[in-house]
């Protein structure tokens, strides 16, 4: 038998985001057909007590650019912590002579999304992503995030 992985973008933010002193907060609308499939998958896996065919949900922050690479950013989804990342190397990755695309980060948010769906504590089509500095910043930083997306990775057996 051949295993196949299917990756679908199920939600994306609009526009570029600029980090201010309190961070960035954006709402992401999720595709209704994927929400229905996620609920079904999470319920089946929960009943079987197995993770063999559990969909994986990934949050990506793409093309993070700026000059302050001594900052650590925390990430929450609907007020639940999901991870953090360091901006080490951001200044170099943001320079045009290095390609200028900045850095990109991926965080596995499967457990948080699953908990929100199974406990019915999530709006059926919207999640709120908050990206904020770990330490209090004394001034606004030159940090932008071009895209914040949510992907569903399905394992087909």
Foldseek 3Di string as FASTA:
>chain_A
DDKDKDKDFFWKFDFKFFQFQFFDKTKIFGHLVVLVVLLVQLVVCVVVVHCPWHKWKKKKFWQKAFQDQQWKKWKDKQPHTQGIDGQHPRNVCCDVVNVNSGDMDMTTCSVVVSVCSVVVVDDSTMMMMGIHTPDGDPGGGGIMTGMITMMIMTMDD
